[in-house]
C-alpha atoms as a PDB file:
ATOM      1  CA  UNK A   1     161.704  97.375 109.575  1.00  0.00           C
ATOM      2  CA  UNK A   2     158.452  98.501 107.998  1.00  0.00           C
ATOM      3  CA  UNK A   3     158.616 101.265 105.440  1.00  0.00           C
ATOM      4  CA  UNK A   4     156.507 104.404 105.847  1.00  0.00           C
ATOM      5  CA  UNK A   5     154.173 103.419 103.014  1.00  0.00           C
ATOM      6  CA  UNK A   6     153.690  99.905 104.422  1.00  0.00           C
ATOM      7  CA  UNK A   7     152.953 101.347 107.843  1.00  0.00           C
ATOM      8  CA  UNK A   8     150.277 103.635 106.380  1.00  0.00           C
ATOM      9  CA  UNK A   9     148.667 100.663 104.615  1.00  0.00           C
ATOM     10  CA  UNK A  10     148.657  98.632 107.825  1.00  0.00           C
ATOM     11  CA  UNK A  11     147.134 101.499 109.774  1.00  0.00           C
ATOM     12  CA  UNK A  12     144.481 102.051 107.081  1.00  0.00           C
ATOM     13  CA  UNK A  13     143.384  98.415 107.392  1.00  0.00           C
ATOM     14  CA  UNK A  14     142.385  98.883 111.035  1.00  0.00           C
ATOM     15  CA  UNK A  15     140.167 101.211 112.987  1.00  0.00           C
ATOM     16  CA  UNK A  16     141.411 103.079 116.043  1.00  0.00           C
ATOM     17  CA  UNK A  17     139.652 105.080 118.718  1.00  0.00           C
ATOM     18  CA  UNK A  18     140.950 107.242 121.518  1.00  0.00           C
ATOM     19  CA  UNK A  19     140.219 105.735 124.923  1.00  0.00           C
ATOM     20  CA  UNK A  20     140.571 107.817 128.071  1.00  0.00           C
ATOM     21  CA  UNK A  21     142.771 106.283 130.766  1.00  0.00           C
ATOM     22  CA  UNK A  22     140.995 108.061 133.608  1.00  0.00           C
ATOM     23  CA  UNK A  23     142.728 107.813 137.014  1.00  0.00           C
ATOM     24  CA  UNK A  24     139.649 108.962 138.962  1.00  0.00           C
ATOM     25  CA  UNK A  25     137.583 105.872 139.941  1.00  0.00           C
ATOM     26  CA  UNK A  26     134.394 107.910 140.389  1.00  0.00           C
ATOM     27  CA  UNK A  27     134.509 109.133 136.804  1.00  0.00           C
ATOM     28  CA  UNK A  28     135.252 105.633 135.512  1.00  0.00           C
ATOM     29  CA  UNK A  29     132.359 104.175 137.532  1.00  0.00           C
ATOM     30  CA  UNK A  30     129.990 106.863 136.237  1.00  0.00           C
ATOM     31  CA  UNK A  31     131.073 106.143 132.650  1.00  0.00           C
ATOM     32  CA  UNK A  32     130.611 102.383 133.077  1.00  0.00           C
ATOM     33  CA  UNK A  33     127.171 102.902 134.601  1.00  0.00           C
ATOM     34  CA  UNK A  34     126.156 105.169 131.730  1.00  0.00           C
ATOM     35  CA  UNK A  35     127.419 102.638 129.181  1.00  0.00           C
ATOM     36  CA  UNK A  36     125.454  99.829 130.821  1.00  0.00           C
ATOM     37  CA  UNK A  37     122.297 101.945 130.756  1.00  0.00           C
ATOM     38  CA  UNK A  38     122.854 102.810 127.088  1.00  0.00           C
ATOM     39  CA  UNK A  39     123.538  99.180 126.199  1.00  0.00           C
ATOM     40  CA  UNK A  40     120.323  98.045 127.913  1.00  0.00           C
ATOM     41  CA  UNK A  41     118.307 100.757 126.186  1.00  0.00           C
ATOM     42  CA  UNK A  42     119.755  99.947 122.754  1.00  0.00           C
ATOM     43  CA  UNK A  43     119.134  96.218 123.318  1.00  0.00           C
ATOM     44  CA  UNK A  44     115.485  96.917 124.148  1.00  0.00           C
ATOM     45  CA  UNK A  45     115.193  99.155 121.092  1.00  0.00           C
ATOM     46  CA  UNK A  46     116.690  96.438 118.881  1.00  0.00           C
ATOM     47  CA  UNK A  47     114.225  93.909 120.280  1.00  0.00           C
ATOM     48  CA  UNK A  48     111.317  96.285 119.638  1.00  0.00           C
ATOM     49  CA  UNK A  49     112.603  96.906 116.109  1.00  0.00           C
ATOM     50  CA  UNK A  50     112.712  93.147 115.450  1.00  0.00           C
ATOM     51  CA  UNK A  51     109.124  92.840 116.707  1.00  0.00           C
ATOM     52  CA  UNK A  52     108.006  95.622 114.365  1.00  0.00           C
ATOM     53  CA  UNK A  53     109.851  94.042 111.434  1.00  0.00           C
ATOM     54  CA  UNK A  54     108.298  90.671 112.220  1.00  0.00           C
ATOM     55  CA  UNK A  55     104.828  92.196 112.427  1.00  0.00           C
ATOM     56  CA  UNK A  56     105.376  94.014 109.135  1.00  0.00           C
ATOM     57  CA  UNK A  57     106.583  90.852 107.387  1.00  0.00           C
ATOM     58  CA  UNK A  58     103.677  88.886 108.844  1.00  0.00           C
ATOM     59  CA  UNK A  59     101.193  91.382 107.395  1.00  0.00           C
ATOM     60  CA  UNK A  60     102.815  91.012 103.952  1.00  0.00           C
ATOM     61  CA  UNK A  61     102.654  87.210 104.119  1.00  0.00           C
ATOM     62  CA  UNK A  62      99.070  87.336 105.335  1.00  0.00           C
ATOM     63  CA  UNK A  63      98.041  89.641 102.517  1.00  0.00           C
ATOM     64  CA  UNK A  64      99.753  87.391  99.966  1.00  0.00           C
ATOM     65  CA  UNK A  65      98.311  84.188 101.450  1.00  0.00           C
ATOM     66  CA  UNK A  66      94.750  85.167 102.291  1.00  0.00           C
ATOM     67  CA  UNK A  67      93.543  84.586  98.723  1.00  0.00           C
ATOM     68  CA  UNK A  68      95.219  81.180  98.710  1.00  0.00           C
ATOM     69  CA  UNK A  69      93.594  80.405 102.054  1.00  0.00           C
ATOM     70  CA  UNK A  70      90.235  80.665 100.283  1.00  0.00           C
ATOM     71  CA  UNK A  71      91.075  78.678  97.131  1.00  0.00           C
ATOM     72  CA  UNK A  72      93.275  76.074  98.826  1.00  0.00           C
ATOM     73  CA  UNK A  73      91.856  76.084 102.322  1.00  0.00           C
ATOM     74  CA  UNK A  74      88.143  76.276 101.510  1.00  0.00           C
ATOM     75  CA  UNK A  75      88.009  74.636  98.081  1.00  0.00           C
ATOM     76  CA  UNK A  76      90.973  72.276  98.402  1.00  0.00           C
ATOM     77  CA  UNK A  77      92.436  73.493  95.092  1.00  0.00           C
ATOM     78  CA  UNK A  78      96.234  73.606  94.890  1.00  0.00           C
ATOM     79  CA  UNK A  79      96.637  76.731  92.795  1.00  0.00           C
ATOM     80  CA  UNK A  80     100.285  77.055  91.777  1.00  0.00           C
ATOM     81  CA  UNK A  81      99.336  80.119  89.699  1.00  0.00           C
ATOM     82  CA  UNK A  82      98.422  82.104  92.817  1.00  0.00           C
ATOM     83  CA  UNK A  83     101.714  84.024  92.630  1.00  0.00           C
ATOM     84  CA  UNK A  84     100.924  85.011  89.058  1.00  0.00           C
ATOM     85  CA  UNK A  85      97.650  86.593  90.184  1.00  0.00           C
ATOM     86  CA  UNK A  86      99.758  88.706  92.573  1.00  0.00           C
ATOM     87  CA  UNK A  87     101.937  89.602  89.591  1.00  0.00           C
ATOM     88  CA  UNK A  88      98.879  90.516  87.508  1.00  0.00           C
ATOM     89  CA  UNK A  89      97.673  92.859  90.240  1.00  0.00           C
ATOM     90  CA  UNK A  90     101.064  94.588  90.414  1.00  0.00           C
ATOM     91  CA  UNK A  91     101.170  95.060  86.628  1.00  0.00           C
ATOM     92  CA  UNK A  92      97.624  96.409  86.727  1.00  0.00           C
ATOM     93  CA  UNK A  93      98.809  99.104  89.129  1.00  0.00           C
ATOM     94  CA  UNK A  94     101.736  99.865  86.817  1.00  0.00           C
ATOM     95  CA  UNK A  95      99.443 100.229  83.785  1.00  0.00           C
ATOM     96  CA  UNK A  96      97.091 102.531  85.698  1.00  0.00           C
ATOM     97  CA  UNK A  97      99.997 104.811  86.605  1.00  0.00           C
ATOM     98  CA  UNK A  98     100.855 105.157  82.919  1.00  0.00           C
ATOM     99  CA  UNK A  99      97.524 106.947  82.418  1.00  0.00           C
ATOM    100  CA  UNK A 100      96.920 108.521  85.849  1.00  0.00           C
ATOM    101  CA  UNK A 101      99.882 110.643  86.913  1.00  0.00           C
ATOM    102  CA  UNK A 102      98.513 111.439  90.360  1.00  0.00           C
ATOM    103  CA  UNK A 103      99.989 108.598  92.388  1.00  0.00           C
ATOM    104  CA  UNK A 104      97.408 108.734  95.163  1.00  0.00           C
ATOM    105  CA  UNK A 105      94.525 108.648  92.697  1.00  0.00           C
ATOM    106  CA  UNK A 106      96.225 105.938  90.660  1.00  0.00           C
ATOM    107  CA  UNK A 107      96.489 103.646  93.697  1.00  0.00           C
ATOM    108  CA  UNK A 108      92.836 104.297  94.580  1.00  0.00           C
ATOM    109  CA  UNK A 109      91.869 103.293  91.028  1.00  0.00           C
ATOM    110  CA  UNK A 110      94.344 100.408  90.823  1.00  0.00           C
ATOM    111  CA  UNK A 111      93.111  98.543  93.918  1.00  0.00           C
ATOM    112  CA  UNK A 112      89.540  97.826  92.738  1.00  0.00           C
ATOM    113  CA  UNK A 113      90.681  97.476  89.123  1.00  0.00           C
ATOM    114  CA  UNK A 114      93.282  94.878  90.099  1.00  0.00           C
ATOM    115  CA  UNK A 115      90.587  93.007  92.007  1.00  0.00           C
ATOM    116  CA  UNK A 116      88.319  93.064  88.953  1.00  0.00           C
ATOM    117  CA  UNK A 117      91.029  91.935  86.519  1.00  0.00           C
ATOM    118  CA  UNK A 118      92.266  89.063  88.660  1.00  0.00           C
ATOM    119  CA  UNK A 119      88.710  88.114  89.683  1.00  0.00           C
ATOM    120  CA  UNK A 120      87.755  87.677  86.033  1.00  0.00           C
ATOM    121  CA  UNK A 121      91.004  85.825  85.329  1.00  0.00           C
ATOM    122  CA  UNK A 122      90.283  83.514  88.258  1.00  0.00           C
ATOM    123  CA  UNK A 123      86.710  82.881  87.118  1.00  0.00           C
ATOM    124  CA  UNK A 124      87.941  82.133  83.599  1.00  0.00           C
ATOM    125  CA  UNK A 125      90.566  79.753  84.937  1.00  0.00           C
ATOM    126  CA  UNK A 126      88.044  77.980  87.146  1.00  0.00           C
ATOM    127  CA  UNK A 127      85.521  77.559  84.345  1.00  0.00           C
ATOM    128  CA  UNK A 128      88.030  76.345  81.754  1.00  0.00           C
ATOM    129  CA  UNK A 129      90.388  74.234  83.860  1.00  0.00           C
ATOM    130  CA  UNK A 130      89.778  73.891  87.584  1.00  0.00           C
ATOM    131  CA  UNK A 131      86.161  72.677  87.522  1.00  0.00           C
ATOM    132  CA  UNK A 132      87.216  69.629  85.498  1.00  0.00           C
ATOM    133  CA  UNK A 133      89.862  68.667  88.063  1.00  0.00           C
ATOM    134  CA  UNK A 134      88.059  68.800  91.414  1.00  0.00           C
ATOM    135  CA  UNK A 135      89.139  65.996  93.791  1.00  0.00           C
ATOM    136  CA  UNK A 136      92.163  65.363  91.567  1.00  0.00           C
ATOM    137  CA  UNK A 137      94.903  67.305  93.406  1.00  0.00           C
ATOM    138  CA  UNK A 138      97.883  66.057  91.390  1.00  0.00           C
ATOM    139  CA  UNK A 139      96.312  66.994  88.061  1.00  0.00           C
ATOM    140  CA  UNK A 140      95.244  70.355  89.514  1.00  0.00           C
ATOM    141  CA  UNK A 141      98.780  71.062  90.697  1.00  0.00           C
ATOM    142  CA  UNK A 142     100.284  70.229  87.300  1.00  0.00           C
ATOM    143  CA  UNK A 143      97.652  72.192  85.377  1.00  0.00           C
ATOM    144  CA  UNK A 144      97.985  75.339  87.494  1.00  0.00           C
ATOM    145  CA  UNK A 145     101.772  75.076  87.385  1.00  0.00           C
ATOM    146  CA  UNK A 146     101.589  75.061  83.595  1.00  0.00           C
ATOM    147  CA  UNK A 147      99.258  78.059  83.683  1.00  0.00           C
ATOM    148  CA  UNK A 148     101.684  79.933  85.934  1.00  0.00           C
ATOM    149  CA  UNK A 149     104.508  79.392  83.435  1.00  0.00           C
ATOM    150  CA  UNK A 150     102.270  80.562  80.594  1.00  0.00           C
ATOM    151  CA  UNK A 151     101.249  83.699  82.523  1.00  0.00           C
ATOM    152  CA  UNK A 152     104.878  84.508  83.296  1.00  0.00           C
ATOM    153  CA  UNK A 153     105.820  84.227  79.633  1.00  0.00           C
ATOM    154  CA  UNK A 154     102.819  86.335  78.616  1.00  0.00           C
ATOM    155  CA  UNK A 155     103.909  89.059  81.057  1.00  0.00           C
ATOM    156  CA  UNK A 156     107.440  88.949  79.636  1.00  0.00           C
ATOM    157  CA  UNK A 157     106.103  89.340  76.120  1.00  0.00           C
ATOM    158  CA  UNK A 158     103.956  92.330  77.091  1.00  0.00           C
ATOM    159  CA  UNK A 159     106.096  94.182  79.643  1.00  0.00           C
ATOM    160  CA  UNK A 160     109.575  92.817  79.010  1.00  0.00           C
ATOM    161  CA  UNK A 161     112.012  91.311  81.474  1.00  0.00           C
ATOM    162  CA  UNK A 162     113.046  94.511  83.235  1.00  0.00           C
ATOM    163  CA  UNK A 163     111.450  95.545  86.507  1.00  0.00           C
ATOM    164  CA  UNK A 164     108.673  98.105  86.153  1.00  0.00           C
ATOM    165  CA  UNK A 165     108.103 100.871  88.697  1.00  0.00           C
ATOM    166  CA  UNK A 166     104.963 101.052  90.797  1.00  0.00           C
ATOM    167  CA  UNK A 167     105.418 104.386  92.538  1.00  0.00           C
ATOM    168  CA  UNK A 168     103.942 105.048  95.953  1.00  0.00           C
ATOM    169  CA  UNK A 169     102.343 108.420  96.759  1.00  0.00           C
ATOM    170  CA  UNK A 170     104.490 111.043  98.461  1.00  0.00           C
ATOM    171  CA  UNK A 171     102.666 110.625 101.753  1.00  0.00           C
ATOM    172  CA  UNK A 172     103.957 107.031 101.889  1.00  0.00           C
ATOM    173  CA  UNK A 173     107.572 108.096 101.399  1.00  0.00           C
ATOM    174  CA  UNK A 174     110.021 107.773 104.254  1.00  0.00           C
ATOM    175  CA  UNK A 175     109.552 105.976 107.529  1.00  0.00           C
ATOM    176  CA  UNK A 176     108.180 106.408 111.019  1.00  0.00           C
ATOM    177  CA  UNK A 177     111.369 106.925 113.049  1.00  0.00           C
ATOM    178  CA  UNK A 178     111.003 106.424 116.785  1.00  0.00           C
ATOM    179  CA  UNK A 179     114.711 106.594 117.626  1.00  0.00           C
ATOM    180  CA  UNK A 180     118.088 105.776 116.081  1.00  0.00           C
ATOM    181  CA  UNK A 181     117.272 102.042 116.097  1.00  0.00           C
ATOM    182  CA  UNK A 182     113.486 101.717 115.722  1.00  0.00           C
ATOM    183  CA  UNK A 183     111.926 102.710 112.420  1.00  0.00           C
ATOM    184  CA  UNK A 184     109.367 101.316 109.982  1.00  0.00           C
ATOM    185  CA  UNK A 185     108.459 102.546 106.517  1.00  0.00           C
ATOM    186  CA  UNK A 186     105.067 104.130 105.937  1.00  0.00           C
ATOM    187  CA  UNK A 187     104.424 101.700 103.057  1.00  0.00           C
ATOM    188  CA  UNK A 188     104.673  98.748 105.421  1.00  0.00           C
ATOM    189  CA  UNK A 189     102.407 100.494 107.899  1.00  0.00           C
ATOM    190  CA  UNK A 190      99.863 100.943 105.090  1.00  0.00           C
ATOM    191  CA  UNK A 191     100.180  97.253 104.153  1.00  0.00           C
ATOM    192  CA  UNK A 192      99.631  96.318 107.783  1.00  0.00           C
ATOM    193  CA  UNK A 193      96.457  98.407 107.841  1.00  0.00           C
ATOM    194  CA  UNK A 194      95.288  96.861 104.565  1.00  0.00           C
ATOM    195  CA  UNK A 195      95.873  93.370 105.985  1.00  0.00           C
ATOM    196  CA  UNK A 196      93.771  94.134 109.057  1.00  0.00           C
ATOM    197  CA  UNK A 197      91.028  95.544 106.822  1.00  0.00           C
ATOM    198  CA  UNK A 198      90.967  92.430 104.644  1.00  0.00           C
ATOM    199  CA  UNK A 199      90.905  90.177 107.667  1.00  0.00           C
ATOM    200  CA  UNK A 200      87.845  91.952 109.061  1.00  0.00           C
ATOM    201  CA  UNK A 201      86.073  92.052 105.672  1.00  0.00           C
ATOM    202  CA  UNK A 202      86.641  88.334 105.076  1.00  0.00           C
ATOM    203  CA  UNK A 203      85.489  87.406 108.583  1.00  0.00           C
ATOM    204  CA  UNK A 204      82.258  89.312 108.006  1.00  0.00           C
ATOM    205  CA  UNK A 205      81.860  87.945 104.467  1.00  0.00           C
ATOM    206  CA  UNK A 206      82.359  84.296 105.424  1.00  0.00           C
ATOM    207  CA  UNK A 207      80.466  84.374 108.721  1.00  0.00           C
ATOM    208  CA  UNK A 208      77.765  87.025 108.370  1.00  0.00           C
ATOM    209  CA  UNK A 209      76.550  86.809 104.769  1.00  0.00           C
ATOM    210  CA  UNK A 210      74.552  84.341 102.720  1.00  0.00           C
ATOM    211  CA  UNK A 211      77.497  83.863 100.373  1.00  0.00           C
ATOM    212  CA  UNK A 212      79.684  82.834 103.299  1.00  0.00           C
ATOM    213  CA  UNK A 213      77.021  80.480 104.592  1.00  0.00           C
ATOM    214  CA  UNK A 214      76.647  78.816 101.197  1.00  0.00           C
ATOM    215  CA  UNK A 215      80.424  78.607 100.793  1.00  0.00           C
ATOM    216  CA  UNK A 216      80.785  76.830 104.118  1.00  0.00           C
ATOM    217  CA  UNK A 217      77.879  74.550 103.249  1.00  0.00           C
ATOM    218  CA  UNK A 218      79.441  73.526  99.924  1.00  0.00           C
ATOM    219  CA  UNK A 219      82.790  72.991 101.655  1.00  0.00           C
ATOM    220  CA  UNK A 220      81.333  70.743 104.337  1.00  0.00           C
ATOM    221  CA  UNK A 221      78.948  68.676 102.198  1.00  0.00           C
ATOM    222  CA  UNK A 222      78.677  69.490  98.518  1.00  0.00           C
ATOM    223  CA  UNK A 223      75.892  67.007  97.771  1.00  0.00           C
ATOM    224  CA  UNK A 224      73.727  68.033 100.710  1.00  0.00           C
ATOM    225  CA  UNK A 225      74.182  71.706  99.836  1.00  0.00           C
ATOM    226  CA  UNK A 226      73.003  70.983  96.291  1.00  0.00           C
ATOM    227  CA  UNK A 227      69.910  69.248  97.683  1.00  0.00           C
ATOM    228  CA  UNK A 228      69.148  72.384  99.709  1.00  0.00           C
ATOM    229  CA  UNK A 229      69.010  74.504  96.544  1.00  0.00           C
ATOM    230  CA  UNK A 230      72.587  75.842  96.538  1.00  0.00           C
ATOM    231  CA  UNK A 231      74.424  75.850  93.229  1.00  0.00           C
ATOM    232  CA  UNK A 232      77.862  74.359  94.064  1.00  0.00           C
ATOM    233  CA  UNK A 233      79.342  75.239  90.677  1.00  0.00           C
ATOM    234  CA  UNK A 234      78.419  78.907  91.084  1.00  0.00           C
ATOM    235  CA  UNK A 235      79.794  78.988  94.644  1.00  0.00           C
ATOM    236  CA  UNK A 236      83.065  77.385  93.540  1.00  0.00           C
ATOM    237  CA  UNK A 237      83.410  79.847  90.680  1.00  0.00           C
ATOM    238  CA  UNK A 238      82.773  82.886  92.874  1.00  0.00           C
ATOM    239  CA  UNK A 239      84.998  81.592  95.668  1.00  0.00           C
ATOM    240  CA  UNK A 240      87.914  80.968  93.318  1.00  0.00           C
ATOM    241  CA  UNK A 241      87.377  84.386  91.758  1.00  0.00           C
ATOM    242  CA  UNK A 242      87.323  86.001  95.210  1.00  0.00           C
ATOM    243  CA  UNK A 243      90.608  84.377  96.182  1.00  0.00           C
ATOM    244  CA  UNK A 244      92.186  85.448  92.887  1.00  0.00           C
ATOM    245  CA  UNK A 245      90.871  89.004  93.249  1.00  0.00           C
ATOM    246  CA  UNK A 246      92.344  89.346  96.731  1.00  0.00           C
ATOM    247  CA  UNK A 247      95.686  88.176  95.325  1.00  0.00           C
ATOM    248  CA  UNK A 248      95.459  90.979  92.763  1.00  0.00           C
ATOM    249  CA  UNK A 249      94.975  93.595  95.477  1.00  0.00           C
ATOM    250  CA  UNK A 250      97.913  92.081  97.351  1.00  0.00           C
ATOM    251  CA  UNK A 251      99.969  92.504  94.178  1.00  0.00           C
ATOM    252  CA  UNK A 252      99.300  96.256  94.105  1.00  0.00           C
ATOM    253  CA  UNK A 253     100.302  96.610  97.756  1.00  0.00           C
ATOM    254  CA  UNK A 254     103.418  94.462  97.426  1.00  0.00           C
ATOM    255  CA  UNK A 255     104.433  96.204  94.201  1.00  0.00           C
ATOM    256  CA  UNK A 256     104.726  99.521  96.051  1.00  0.00           C
ATOM    257  CA  UNK A 257     107.941  98.377  97.722  1.00  0.00           C
ATOM    258  CA  UNK A 258     109.034  95.262  95.792  1.00  0.00           C
ATOM    259  CA  UNK A 259     110.182  94.975  92.196  1.00  0.00           C
ATOM    260  CA  UNK A 260     107.413  94.390  89.679  1.00  0.00           C
ATOM    261  CA  UNK A 261     108.581  91.670  87.292  1.00  0.00           C
ATOM    262  CA  UNK A 262     107.064  88.682  85.565  1.00  0.00           C
ATOM    263  CA  UNK A 263     108.653  86.407  88.174  1.00  0.00           C
ATOM    264  CA  UNK A 264     107.642  88.299  91.326  1.00  0.00           C
ATOM    265  CA  UNK A 265     104.887  85.790  92.087  1.00  0.00           C
ATOM    266  CA  UNK A 266     107.451  83.065  92.629  1.00  0.00           C
ATOM    267  CA  UNK A 267     108.837  85.020  95.577  1.00  0.00           C
ATOM    268  CA  UNK A 268     105.573  84.639  97.486  1.00  0.00           C
ATOM    269  CA  UNK A 269     103.984  81.351  96.401  1.00  0.00           C
ATOM    270  CA  UNK A 270     106.091  79.204  98.760  1.00  0.00           C
ATOM    271  CA  UNK A 271     105.540  81.520 101.740  1.00  0.00           C
ATOM    272  CA  UNK A 272     101.829  81.650 100.949  1.00  0.00           C
ATOM    273  CA  UNK A 273     101.477  77.860 101.003  1.00  0.00           C
ATOM    274  CA  UNK A 274     103.540  77.656 104.187  1.00  0.00           C
ATOM    275  CA  UNK A 275     101.367  80.306 105.821  1.00  0.00           C
ATOM    276  CA  UNK A 276      98.145  78.482 104.952  1.00  0.00           C
ATOM    277  CA  UNK A 277      99.415  75.016 105.919  1.00  0.00           C
ATOM    278  CA  UNK A 278     101.126  76.058 109.166  1.00  0.00           C
ATOM    279  CA  UNK A 279      98.078  77.976 110.346  1.00  0.00           C
ATOM    280  CA  UNK A 280      95.606  75.218 109.466  1.00  0.00           C
ATOM    281  CA  UNK A 281      93.909  74.637 106.139  1.00  0.00           C
ATOM    282  CA  UNK A 282      90.551  76.343 105.692  1.00  0.00           C
ATOM    283  CA  UNK A 283      90.826  78.708 108.646  1.00  0.00           C
ATOM    284  CA  UNK A 284      91.219  82.477 108.272  1.00  0.00           C
ATOM    285  CA  UNK A 285      92.353  82.778 111.898  1.00  0.00           C
ATOM    286  CA  UNK A 286      94.858  80.022 111.195  1.00  0.00           C
ATOM    287  CA  UNK A 287      96.205  81.903 108.198  1.00  0.00           C
ATOM    288  CA  UNK A 288      96.732  84.962 110.381  1.00  0.00           C
ATOM    289  CA  UNK A 289      98.488  82.848 113.022  1.00  0.00           C
ATOM    290  CA  UNK A 290     100.646  81.157 110.379  1.00  0.00           C
ATOM    291  CA  UNK A 291     101.701  84.501 108.918  1.00  0.00           C
ATOM    292  CA  UNK A 292     102.639  85.809 112.363  1.00  0.00           C
ATOM    293  CA  UNK A 293     104.619  82.656 113.186  1.00  0.00           C
ATOM    294  CA  UNK A 294     106.565  82.642 109.913  1.00  0.00           C
ATOM    295  CA  UNK A 295     107.160  86.400 109.910  1.00  0.00           C
ATOM    296  CA  UNK A 296     108.494  86.513 113.462  1.00  0.00           C
ATOM    297  CA  UNK A 297     110.547  83.344 112.967  1.00  0.00           C
ATOM    298  CA  UNK A 298     112.214  84.732 109.845  1.00  0.00           C
ATOM    299  CA  UNK A 299     113.012  88.087 111.446  1.00  0.00           C
ATOM    300  CA  UNK A 300     114.215  86.368 114.611  1.00  0.00           C
ATOM    301  CA  UNK A 301     116.661  84.235 112.629  1.00  0.00           C
ATOM    302  CA  UNK A 302     117.872  87.322 110.764  1.00  0.00           C
ATOM    303  CA  UNK A 303     118.396  89.140 114.058  1.00  0.00           C
ATOM    304  CA  UNK A 304     120.468  86.245 115.415  1.00  0.00           C
ATOM    305  CA  UNK A 305     122.725  86.506 112.374  1.00  0.00           C
ATOM    306  CA  UNK A 306     125.693  88.651 113.577  1.00  0.00           C
ATOM    307  CA  UNK A 307     126.139  90.167 110.123  1.00  0.00           C
ATOM    308  CA  UNK A 308     122.676  91.726 110.237  1.00  0.00           C
ATOM    309  CA  UNK A 309     122.741  93.629 113.536  1.00  0.00           C
ATOM    310  CA  UNK A 310     121.321  97.024 112.567  1.00  0.00           C
ATOM    311  CA  UNK A 311     122.108  98.646 115.887  1.00  0.00           C
ATOM    312  CA  UNK A 312     125.817  97.864 116.206  1.00  0.00           C
ATOM    313  CA  UNK A 313     127.068 101.060 114.611  1.00  0.00           C
ATOM    314  CA  UNK A 314     124.636 103.191 116.597  1.00  0.00           C
ATOM    315  CA  UNK A 315     125.585 101.340 119.760  1.00  0.00           C
ATOM    316  CA  UNK A 316     129.287 102.117 119.380  1.00  0.00           C
ATOM    317  CA  UNK A 317     128.512 105.706 118.449  1.00  0.00           C
ATOM    318  CA  UNK A 318     126.454 106.100 121.630  1.00  0.00           C
ATOM    319  CA  UNK A 319     129.219 104.523 123.711  1.00  0.00           C
ATOM    320  CA  UNK A 320     131.979 106.781 122.478  1.00  0.00           C
ATOM    321  CA  UNK A 321     129.814 109.898 122.604  1.00  0.00           C
ATOM    322  CA  UNK A 322     128.775 109.142 126.161  1.00  0.00           C
ATOM    323  CA  UNK A 323     132.324 108.448 127.330  1.00  0.00           C
ATOM    324  CA  UNK A 324     133.323 111.919 126.198  1.00  0.00           C
ATOM    325  CA  UNK A 325     130.192 113.446 127.758  1.00  0.00           C
ATOM    326  CA  UNK A 326     130.694 111.825 131.171  1.00  0.00           C
ATOM    327  CA  UNK A 327     134.356 112.731 131.257  1.00  0.00           C
ATOM    328  CA  UNK A 328     133.635 116.309 130.262  1.00  0.00           C
ATOM    329  CA  UNK A 329     130.811 116.723 132.775  1.00  0.00           C
ATOM    330  CA  UNK A 330     132.578 114.953 135.630  1.00  0.00           C
ATOM    331  CA  UNK A 331     135.835 116.885 135.454  1.00  0.00           C
ATOM    332  CA  UNK A 332     136.558 120.070 133.576  1.00  0.00           C
ATOM    333  CA  UNK A 333     140.115 119.000 132.919  1.00  0.00           C
ATOM    334  CA  UNK A 334     141.762 116.988 130.174  1.00  0.00           C
ATOM    335  CA  UNK A 335     142.401 113.317 130.908  1.00  0.00           C
ATOM    336  CA  UNK A 336     145.817 112.436 132.195  1.00  0.00           C
ATOM    337  CA  UNK A 337     146.558 109.987 129.435  1.00  0.00           C
ATOM    338  CA  UNK A 338     145.170 109.071 126.034  1.00  0.00           C
ATOM    339  CA  UNK A 339     145.705 105.544 124.726  1.00  0.00           C
ATOM    340  CA  UNK A 340     145.144 104.555 121.109  1.00  0.00           C
ATOM    341  CA  UNK A 341     143.545 101.122 121.035  1.00  0.00           C
ATOM    342  CA  UNK A 342     142.419  99.001 118.088  1.00  0.00           C
ATOM    343  CA  UNK A 343     138.741  98.138 118.111  1.00  0.00           C
ATOM    344  CA  UNK A 344     137.513  95.072 116.202  1.00  0.00           C
ATOM    345  CA  UNK A 345     133.885  95.913 115.421  1.00  0.00           C
ATOM    346  CA  UNK A 346     133.416  92.727 113.444  1.00  0.00           C
ATOM    347  CA  UNK A 347     133.867  90.603 116.550  1.00  0.00           C
ATOM    348  CA  UNK A 348     130.660  92.000 118.043  1.00  0.00           C
ATOM    349  CA  UNK A 349     128.659  93.030 115.023  1.00  0.00           C
END
């Protein structure tokens, strides 16, 4: 025999729902048809939500990797401190917000300021370290890795180890909700727009300007470009600074939704290298393709994980609500029998 208290504990450990045992076949068929339609609609909504999440993640990876695509892809420099330039950009946004309380204005100021700070840091790094290590990839990797550690420690000394807030404007709060399953935050929509803008600007800069022409010339044949009157050292310095500056802007954008710490760059350096390498070294289109591939692959794997099905709860809610609705609309009489049945949600979700 089970005592009353033990029975209450056992009941509390399970979830029960009331299921109608409807004798009328027409009502049962109508309910099953409605459930199938709801299940198909929710499945399509979940698939669309995964596509939106993948596109959002791809835009973040592209924004983080596009600066590396220039320094690593165009110049062949393995810059392990790229993540720290992202971190510097995020901290620049944080510092600006300490003086400018209007969050919209602070972001408008922080974006170009972060570009300027990280551009100068990149130029300084190229002049002092990188230019002495061209065509020596192992030494470049070790040197930039050491610089990344030094920059992390410098950030800890200045800002501490706790995460610092980089607050988004009010108009970026919340999310665009399409239905109970599909939604995407306004911050990620803004990052997606910023990624598209940077892609277009870089395509014009590298393909329609003299700087882009000289950069491609130095990349293809450094000695011949020098004979044609191009200064390879100046082009390398500006190109490295450009890639670092773009990383700084990416840091401001990423800091709006991610934690701003001295180690935040490490969260994106691996994905940035993967994005550049998968898409093809030295190709902006390839970087975009690599970001899309990695973003969709990651979100697809997460969606296949049963523990991360966002629509399971909504799906069951729709099912039970619709069962009651069909029964109520089909017959204005109470069901002949009510059966209490245990439902194991974990088996499906």
